[in-house]
Amino acid sequence: MTTHLKTRAKAAAAGALLAAGLLVATAPGAFAATTAAPAVDRPSSAASDAYTVAPYTAVNLRHGPGSGYQWMSTLQFGHTYTAYCWVYGEMVVDNGYRNNIWIHTYGGRGAGVGCASAVYLRGDERAGLPASAQC
């Protein structure tokens, strides 16, 4: 993703958080979080490519790339979901698989975009996303 697209994605995410009341404007062009939880750089679907992912089993969608982040929703087996990019995060080990890649995924209306471990998604170590799709 080019720097311009990353900047556009960050601005779109900040605008959405501002509208939702999760950010407050502190000065023109500056924002401050109203919560102590770490912010996840969620891409705007208009500012990035979209991919399709499918879970092997039900998988938790979280606010960040690790099991310590707050649960948002559950991605269900048998459904497909829109994914935007991948990040390195907490190492997940399950059924002999080991991976520290988390996929920014849209969990559906009401859930928004969060992170799901690639261990539970079909495809390669990045759930089929290209190496260039790093957030």
N, C-alpha and C. Protein backbone atom coordinates (compact mmCIF):
# COMPACT_ATOMS: atom_id res chain seq x y z
N MET A 1 0.85 -1.16 0.00
CA MET A 1 0.00 0.00 0.00
C MET A 1 0.90 1.23 0.00
N THR A 2 0.58 2.19 -0.79
CA THR A 2 1.42 3.38 -0.86
C THR A 2 1.22 4.24 0.37
N THR A 3 2.17 5.12 0.61
CA THR A 3 2.09 6.02 1.77
C THR A 3 0.84 6.88 1.69
N HIS A 4 0.49 7.34 0.47
CA HIS A 4 -0.70 8.17 0.28
C HIS A 4 -1.95 7.41 0.72
N LEU A 5 -2.07 6.14 0.32
CA LEU A 5 -3.24 5.35 0.70
C LEU A 5 -3.28 5.10 2.20
N LYS A 6 -2.11 4.86 2.82
CA LYS A 6 -2.07 4.67 4.27
C LYS A 6 -2.54 5.93 4.98
N THR A 7 -2.09 7.09 4.49
CA THR A 7 -2.49 8.36 5.09
C THR A 7 -3.99 8.56 4.95
N ARG A 8 -4.53 8.24 3.75
CA ARG A 8 -5.97 8.36 3.53
C ARG A 8 -6.73 7.41 4.44
N ALA A 9 -6.23 6.19 4.62
CA ALA A 9 -6.89 5.21 5.47
C ALA A 9 -6.89 5.68 6.92
N LYS A 10 -5.77 6.22 7.39
CA LYS A 10 -5.70 6.71 8.76
C LYS A 10 -6.65 7.88 8.97
N ALA A 11 -6.73 8.78 8.00
CA ALA A 11 -7.63 9.93 8.11
C ALA A 11 -9.08 9.47 8.14
N ALA A 12 -9.41 8.47 7.29
CA ALA A 12 -10.77 7.95 7.26
C ALA A 12 -11.12 7.28 8.59
N ALA A 13 -10.17 6.51 9.14
CA ALA A 13 -10.41 5.83 10.42
C ALA A 13 -10.57 6.86 11.54
N ALA A 14 -9.74 7.89 11.54
CA ALA A 14 -9.85 8.93 12.56
C ALA A 14 -11.18 9.64 12.45
N GLY A 15 -11.63 9.91 11.23
CA GLY A 15 -12.92 10.57 11.03
C GLY A 15 -14.06 9.72 11.54
N ALA A 16 -13.99 8.40 11.27
CA ALA A 16 -15.04 7.50 11.75
C ALA A 16 -15.04 7.43 13.27
N LEU A 17 -13.87 7.36 13.88
CA LEU A 17 -13.79 7.32 15.35
C LEU A 17 -14.26 8.64 15.96
N LEU A 18 -13.95 9.74 15.31
CA LEU A 18 -14.40 11.04 15.79
C LEU A 18 -15.92 11.10 15.75
N ALA A 19 -16.51 10.65 14.64
CA ALA A 19 -17.96 10.65 14.51
C ALA A 19 -18.61 9.74 15.54
N ALA A 20 -17.95 8.64 15.88
CA ALA A 20 -18.49 7.69 16.86
C ALA A 20 -18.26 8.15 18.30
N GLY A 21 -17.53 9.24 18.47
CA GLY A 21 -17.29 9.74 19.81
C GLY A 21 -16.12 9.08 20.51
N LEU A 22 -15.32 8.29 19.79
CA LEU A 22 -14.19 7.63 20.40
C LEU A 22 -12.94 8.48 20.36
N LEU A 23 -12.94 9.54 19.56
CA LEU A 23 -11.84 10.49 19.52
C LEU A 23 -12.41 11.88 19.73
N VAL A 24 -11.61 12.76 20.25
CA VAL A 24 -12.01 14.15 20.37
C VAL A 24 -10.96 15.01 19.69
N ALA A 25 -11.41 16.05 19.03
CA ALA A 25 -10.47 16.95 18.37
C ALA A 25 -9.80 17.81 19.43
N THR A 26 -8.47 17.93 19.38
CA THR A 26 -7.74 18.74 20.34
C THR A 26 -7.17 19.98 19.69
N ALA A 27 -7.00 19.96 18.40
CA ALA A 27 -6.52 21.09 17.62
C ALA A 27 -6.80 20.74 16.17
N PRO A 28 -6.79 21.72 15.29
CA PRO A 28 -7.04 21.39 13.88
C PRO A 28 -6.09 20.30 13.40
N GLY A 29 -6.66 19.19 12.92
CA GLY A 29 -5.84 18.10 12.40
C GLY A 29 -5.27 17.17 13.46
N ALA A 30 -5.54 17.41 14.75
CA ALA A 30 -5.01 16.54 15.82
C ALA A 30 -6.17 15.90 16.56
N PHE A 31 -5.97 14.67 17.01
CA PHE A 31 -7.01 13.94 17.72
C PHE A 31 -6.41 13.28 18.95
N ALA A 32 -7.22 13.10 19.97
CA ALA A 32 -6.78 12.39 21.17
C ALA A 32 -7.81 11.32 21.49
N ALA A 33 -7.36 10.16 21.86
CA ALA A 33 -8.26 9.06 22.19
C ALA A 33 -8.94 9.34 23.52
N THR A 34 -10.22 8.96 23.61
CA THR A 34 -10.95 9.14 24.86
C THR A 34 -10.91 7.89 25.71
N THR A 35 -10.25 6.84 25.23
CA THR A 35 -10.15 5.60 25.97
C THR A 35 -8.68 5.19 26.06
N ALA A 36 -8.34 4.42 27.08
CA ALA A 36 -6.96 4.01 27.28
C ALA A 36 -6.58 2.81 26.41
N ALA A 37 -7.57 2.16 25.78
CA ALA A 37 -7.28 1.00 24.95
C ALA A 37 -6.46 1.40 23.74
N PRO A 38 -5.47 0.58 23.35
CA PRO A 38 -4.65 0.91 22.20
C PRO A 38 -5.49 0.91 20.92
N ALA A 39 -5.26 1.88 20.08
CA ALA A 39 -6.00 1.99 18.82
C ALA A 39 -5.40 1.05 17.79
N VAL A 40 -6.24 0.44 16.99
CA VAL A 40 -5.79 -0.41 15.90
C VAL A 40 -5.97 0.39 14.62
N ASP A 41 -4.96 0.43 13.79
CA ASP A 41 -5.02 1.15 12.53
C ASP A 41 -5.88 0.35 11.57
N ARG A 42 -7.17 0.64 11.56
CA ARG A 42 -8.10 -0.09 10.70
C ARG A 42 -8.21 0.62 9.36
N PRO A 43 -7.96 -0.10 8.28
CA PRO A 43 -8.03 0.53 6.97
C PRO A 43 -9.45 0.82 6.55
N SER A 44 -9.63 1.85 5.77
CA SER A 44 -10.91 2.16 5.17
C SER A 44 -11.06 1.29 3.93
N SER A 45 -12.23 0.70 3.74
CA SER A 45 -12.42 -0.17 2.58
C SER A 45 -12.24 0.59 1.28
N ALA A 46 -12.52 1.89 1.28
CA ALA A 46 -12.35 2.69 0.07
C ALA A 46 -10.89 2.99 -0.21
N ALA A 47 -10.04 2.88 0.81
CA ALA A 47 -8.64 3.27 0.66
C ALA A 47 -7.70 2.08 0.52
N SER A 48 -8.23 0.87 0.48
CA SER A 48 -7.35 -0.28 0.36
C SER A 48 -8.02 -1.38 -0.44
N ASP A 49 -7.23 -2.36 -0.87
CA ASP A 49 -7.78 -3.50 -1.59
C ASP A 49 -8.54 -4.37 -0.60
N ALA A 50 -9.49 -5.12 -1.12
CA ALA A 50 -10.26 -6.03 -0.28
C ALA A 50 -10.03 -7.46 -0.78
N TYR A 51 -9.98 -8.39 0.16
CA TYR A 51 -9.77 -9.81 -0.12
C TYR A 51 -10.86 -10.59 0.59
N THR A 52 -11.00 -11.86 0.23
CA THR A 52 -11.99 -12.71 0.88
C THR A 52 -11.27 -13.76 1.71
N VAL A 53 -11.72 -13.95 2.95
CA VAL A 53 -11.18 -14.99 3.82
C VAL A 53 -12.32 -15.86 4.33
N ALA A 54 -11.98 -17.12 4.64
CA ALA A 54 -12.96 -18.07 5.17
C ALA A 54 -12.35 -18.82 6.33
N PRO A 55 -13.01 -18.83 7.48
CA PRO A 55 -12.48 -19.56 8.65
C PRO A 55 -12.65 -21.07 8.52
N TYR A 56 -11.68 -21.81 9.10
CA TYR A 56 -11.79 -23.27 9.22
C TYR A 56 -12.80 -23.63 10.30
N THR A 57 -12.92 -22.77 11.28
CA THR A 57 -13.78 -22.98 12.43
C THR A 57 -14.20 -21.60 12.93
N ALA A 58 -15.06 -21.55 13.91
CA ALA A 58 -15.42 -20.24 14.48
C ALA A 58 -14.17 -19.60 15.08
N VAL A 59 -13.95 -18.33 14.78
CA VAL A 59 -12.75 -17.63 15.26
C VAL A 59 -13.13 -16.27 15.82
N ASN A 60 -12.47 -15.90 16.92
CA ASN A 60 -12.75 -14.60 17.54
C ASN A 60 -12.20 -13.45 16.71
N LEU A 61 -12.98 -12.41 16.59
CA LEU A 61 -12.54 -11.16 15.98
C LEU A 61 -12.26 -10.22 17.15
N ARG A 62 -11.07 -9.65 17.19
CA ARG A 62 -10.65 -8.83 18.32
C ARG A 62 -10.27 -7.43 17.88
N HIS A 63 -10.18 -6.51 18.85
CA HIS A 63 -9.83 -5.12 18.59
C HIS A 63 -8.36 -4.94 18.20
N GLY A 64 -7.54 -5.95 18.35
CA GLY A 64 -6.12 -5.85 18.02
C GLY A 64 -5.55 -7.23 17.76
N PRO A 65 -4.27 -7.30 17.38
CA PRO A 65 -3.65 -8.56 16.98
C PRO A 65 -3.14 -9.41 18.14
N GLY A 66 -4.04 -9.83 19.00
CA GLY A 66 -3.67 -10.69 20.11
C GLY A 66 -4.87 -11.06 20.96
N SER A 67 -4.74 -12.15 21.71
CA SER A 67 -5.86 -12.62 22.54
C SER A 67 -6.13 -11.71 23.74
N GLY A 68 -5.21 -10.81 24.03
CA GLY A 68 -5.42 -9.86 25.12
C GLY A 68 -6.29 -8.69 24.75
N TYR A 69 -6.58 -8.53 23.47
CA TYR A 69 -7.45 -7.44 23.02
C TYR A 69 -8.91 -7.84 23.20
N GLN A 70 -9.75 -6.87 23.38
CA GLN A 70 -11.18 -7.10 23.62
C GLN A 70 -11.82 -7.83 22.45
N TRP A 71 -12.71 -8.78 22.77
CA TRP A 71 -13.47 -9.53 21.80
C TRP A 71 -14.50 -8.62 21.15
N MET A 72 -14.68 -8.74 19.85
CA MET A 72 -15.67 -7.93 19.12
C MET A 72 -16.83 -8.78 18.62
N SER A 73 -16.49 -9.93 18.04
CA SER A 73 -17.48 -10.77 17.37
C SER A 73 -16.84 -12.12 17.09
N THR A 74 -17.60 -13.04 16.52
CA THR A 74 -17.07 -14.33 16.11
C THR A 74 -17.32 -14.52 14.63
N LEU A 75 -16.26 -14.85 13.89
CA LEU A 75 -16.38 -15.19 12.48
C LEU A 75 -16.79 -16.66 12.42
N GLN A 76 -17.83 -16.97 11.67
CA GLN A 76 -18.40 -18.31 11.67
C GLN A 76 -17.88 -19.16 10.52
N PHE A 77 -17.66 -20.45 10.80
CA PHE A 77 -17.30 -21.42 9.76
C PHE A 77 -18.43 -21.46 8.73
N GLY A 78 -18.08 -21.60 7.47
CA GLY A 78 -19.08 -21.68 6.41
C GLY A 78 -19.42 -20.34 5.79
N HIS A 79 -18.92 -19.26 6.35
CA HIS A 79 -19.14 -17.93 5.80
C HIS A 79 -17.82 -17.37 5.28
N THR A 80 -17.92 -16.40 4.39
CA THR A 80 -16.73 -15.69 3.94
C THR A 80 -16.81 -14.25 4.44
N TYR A 81 -15.64 -13.64 4.60
CA TYR A 81 -15.55 -12.29 5.16
C TYR A 81 -14.58 -11.46 4.33
N THR A 82 -14.76 -10.17 4.37
CA THR A 82 -13.86 -9.25 3.67
C THR A 82 -12.67 -8.94 4.57
N ALA A 83 -11.48 -9.06 4.00
CA ALA A 83 -10.24 -8.75 4.72
C ALA A 83 -9.51 -7.66 3.96
N TYR A 84 -8.73 -6.85 4.69
CA TYR A 84 -8.07 -5.69 4.08
C TYR A 84 -6.55 -5.78 4.08
N CYS A 85 -5.97 -6.26 5.17
CA CYS A 85 -4.52 -6.32 5.27
C CYS A 85 -4.13 -7.21 6.44
N TRP A 86 -2.83 -7.42 6.62
CA TRP A 86 -2.36 -8.28 7.70
C TRP A 86 -1.28 -7.55 8.50
N VAL A 87 -1.13 -7.97 9.78
CA VAL A 87 -0.12 -7.41 10.68
C VAL A 87 0.50 -8.55 11.50
N TYR A 88 1.70 -8.30 12.02
CA TYR A 88 2.30 -9.22 12.97
C TYR A 88 1.71 -8.93 14.35
N GLY A 89 1.46 -9.99 15.10
CA GLY A 89 0.91 -9.83 16.44
C GLY A 89 1.31 -11.00 17.32
N GLU A 90 0.44 -11.33 18.24
CA GLU A 90 0.69 -12.43 19.17
C GLU A 90 0.82 -13.76 18.43
N MET A 91 1.77 -14.60 18.86
CA MET A 91 1.92 -15.94 18.29
C MET A 91 0.76 -16.80 18.76
N VAL A 92 0.12 -17.49 17.81
CA VAL A 92 -0.98 -18.39 18.12
C VAL A 92 -0.53 -19.80 17.72
N VAL A 93 -0.72 -20.75 18.64
CA VAL A 93 -0.37 -22.14 18.38
C VAL A 93 -1.63 -22.97 18.62
N ASP A 94 -2.06 -23.72 17.60
CA ASP A 94 -3.25 -24.55 17.73
C ASP A 94 -3.19 -25.68 16.71
N ASN A 95 -3.50 -26.89 17.14
CA ASN A 95 -3.52 -28.08 16.27
C ASN A 95 -2.24 -28.23 15.45
N GLY A 96 -1.10 -27.94 16.04
CA GLY A 96 0.17 -28.09 15.35
C GLY A 96 0.55 -26.92 14.45
N TYR A 97 -0.34 -25.94 14.32
CA TYR A 97 -0.04 -24.76 13.51
C TYR A 97 0.44 -23.64 14.41
N ARG A 98 1.36 -22.85 13.90
CA ARG A 98 1.97 -21.78 14.68
C ARG A 98 2.12 -20.56 13.76
N ASN A 99 1.57 -19.41 14.17
CA ASN A 99 1.58 -18.24 13.30
C ASN A 99 1.38 -16.98 14.16
N ASN A 100 2.05 -15.89 13.76
CA ASN A 100 1.86 -14.62 14.46
C ASN A 100 1.28 -13.55 13.53
N ILE A 101 0.59 -13.98 12.50
CA ILE A 101 -0.03 -13.04 11.57
C ILE A 101 -1.52 -12.94 11.86
N TRP A 102 -2.00 -11.70 11.93
CA TRP A 102 -3.40 -11.40 12.19
C TRP A 102 -3.95 -10.62 11.01
N ILE A 103 -5.18 -10.91 10.64
CA ILE A 103 -5.80 -10.34 9.45
C ILE A 103 -6.87 -9.31 9.88
N HIS A 104 -6.77 -8.10 9.34
CA HIS A 104 -7.80 -7.07 9.56
C HIS A 104 -9.00 -7.48 8.72
N THR A 105 -10.09 -7.82 9.39
CA THR A 105 -11.26 -8.41 8.75
C THR A 105 -12.53 -7.68 9.16
N TYR A 106 -13.45 -7.53 8.22
CA TYR A 106 -14.76 -6.95 8.52
C TYR A 106 -15.65 -8.06 9.04
N GLY A 107 -16.11 -7.92 10.26
CA GLY A 107 -16.90 -8.96 10.91
C GLY A 107 -18.39 -8.87 10.67
N GLY A 108 -18.82 -7.90 9.89
CA GLY A 108 -20.24 -7.76 9.62
C GLY A 108 -20.83 -6.55 10.32
N ARG A 109 -22.05 -6.24 9.95
CA ARG A 109 -22.74 -5.08 10.52
C ARG A 109 -22.82 -5.23 12.04
N GLY A 110 -22.44 -4.21 12.73
CA GLY A 110 -22.45 -4.23 14.19
C GLY A 110 -21.11 -4.62 14.79
N ALA A 111 -20.28 -5.31 14.02
CA ALA A 111 -18.98 -5.73 14.55
C ALA A 111 -17.87 -4.79 14.08
N GLY A 112 -17.92 -4.38 12.83
CA GLY A 112 -16.87 -3.52 12.30
C GLY A 112 -15.64 -4.32 11.90
N VAL A 113 -14.50 -3.62 11.80
CA VAL A 113 -13.25 -4.24 11.38
C VAL A 113 -12.40 -4.55 12.61
N GLY A 114 -11.93 -5.77 12.69
CA GLY A 114 -11.07 -6.19 13.78
C GLY A 114 -10.01 -7.14 13.27
N CYS A 115 -9.35 -7.82 14.18
CA CYS A 115 -8.26 -8.73 13.83
C CYS A 115 -8.63 -10.17 14.16
N ALA A 116 -8.32 -11.07 13.22
CA ALA A 116 -8.52 -12.51 13.42
C ALA A 116 -7.19 -13.21 13.13
N SER A 117 -6.85 -14.20 13.92
CA SER A 117 -5.61 -14.94 13.70
C SER A 117 -5.68 -15.73 12.40
N ALA A 118 -4.62 -15.64 11.60
CA ALA A 118 -4.55 -16.37 10.34
C ALA A 118 -4.50 -17.88 10.55
N VAL A 119 -4.19 -18.34 11.76
CA VAL A 119 -4.17 -19.78 12.05
C VAL A 119 -5.53 -20.40 11.74
N TYR A 120 -6.60 -19.65 11.94
CA TYR A 120 -7.95 -20.18 11.79
C TYR A 120 -8.60 -19.85 10.45
N LEU A 121 -7.83 -19.26 9.53
CA LEU A 121 -8.37 -18.86 8.23
C LEU A 121 -7.74 -19.68 7.12
N ARG A 122 -8.52 -20.06 6.13
CA ARG A 122 -8.03 -20.86 4.99
C ARG A 122 -6.99 -20.10 4.20
N GLY A 123 -6.07 -20.84 3.59
CA GLY A 123 -5.04 -20.24 2.76
C GLY A 123 -3.66 -20.46 3.37
N ASP A 124 -2.71 -19.65 2.93
CA ASP A 124 -1.35 -19.78 3.43
C ASP A 124 -1.19 -19.07 4.78
N GLU A 125 0.05 -18.78 5.16
CA GLU A 125 0.30 -18.16 6.47
C GLU A 125 -0.33 -16.77 6.60
N ARG A 126 -0.71 -16.15 5.48
CA ARG A 126 -1.38 -14.84 5.51
C ARG A 126 -2.83 -14.96 5.08
N ALA A 127 -3.41 -16.15 5.18
CA ALA A 127 -4.82 -16.41 4.84
C ALA A 127 -5.11 -16.05 3.38
N GLY A 128 -4.10 -16.19 2.52
CA GLY A 128 -4.30 -15.91 1.10
C GLY A 128 -4.07 -14.47 0.69
N LEU A 129 -3.81 -13.58 1.65
CA LEU A 129 -3.51 -12.19 1.31
C LEU A 129 -2.07 -12.10 0.80
N PRO A 130 -1.82 -11.22 -0.15
CA PRO A 130 -0.44 -11.10 -0.65
C PRO A 130 0.48 -10.47 0.38
N ALA A 131 1.77 -10.72 0.24
CA ALA A 131 2.76 -10.14 1.15
C ALA A 131 2.69 -8.62 1.12
N SER A 132 2.31 -8.05 -0.01
CA SER A 132 2.23 -6.59 -0.15
C SER A 132 1.04 -5.99 0.60
N ALA A 133 0.14 -6.81 1.12
CA ALA A 133 -1.05 -6.32 1.83
C ALA A 133 -0.80 -6.09 3.31
N GLN A 134 0.46 -5.91 3.71
CA GLN A 134 0.75 -5.65 5.12
C GLN A 134 0.22 -4.26 5.49
N CYS A 135 -0.42 -4.17 6.65
CA CYS A 135 -1.00 -2.89 7.10
C CYS A 135 0.09 -1.89 7.43
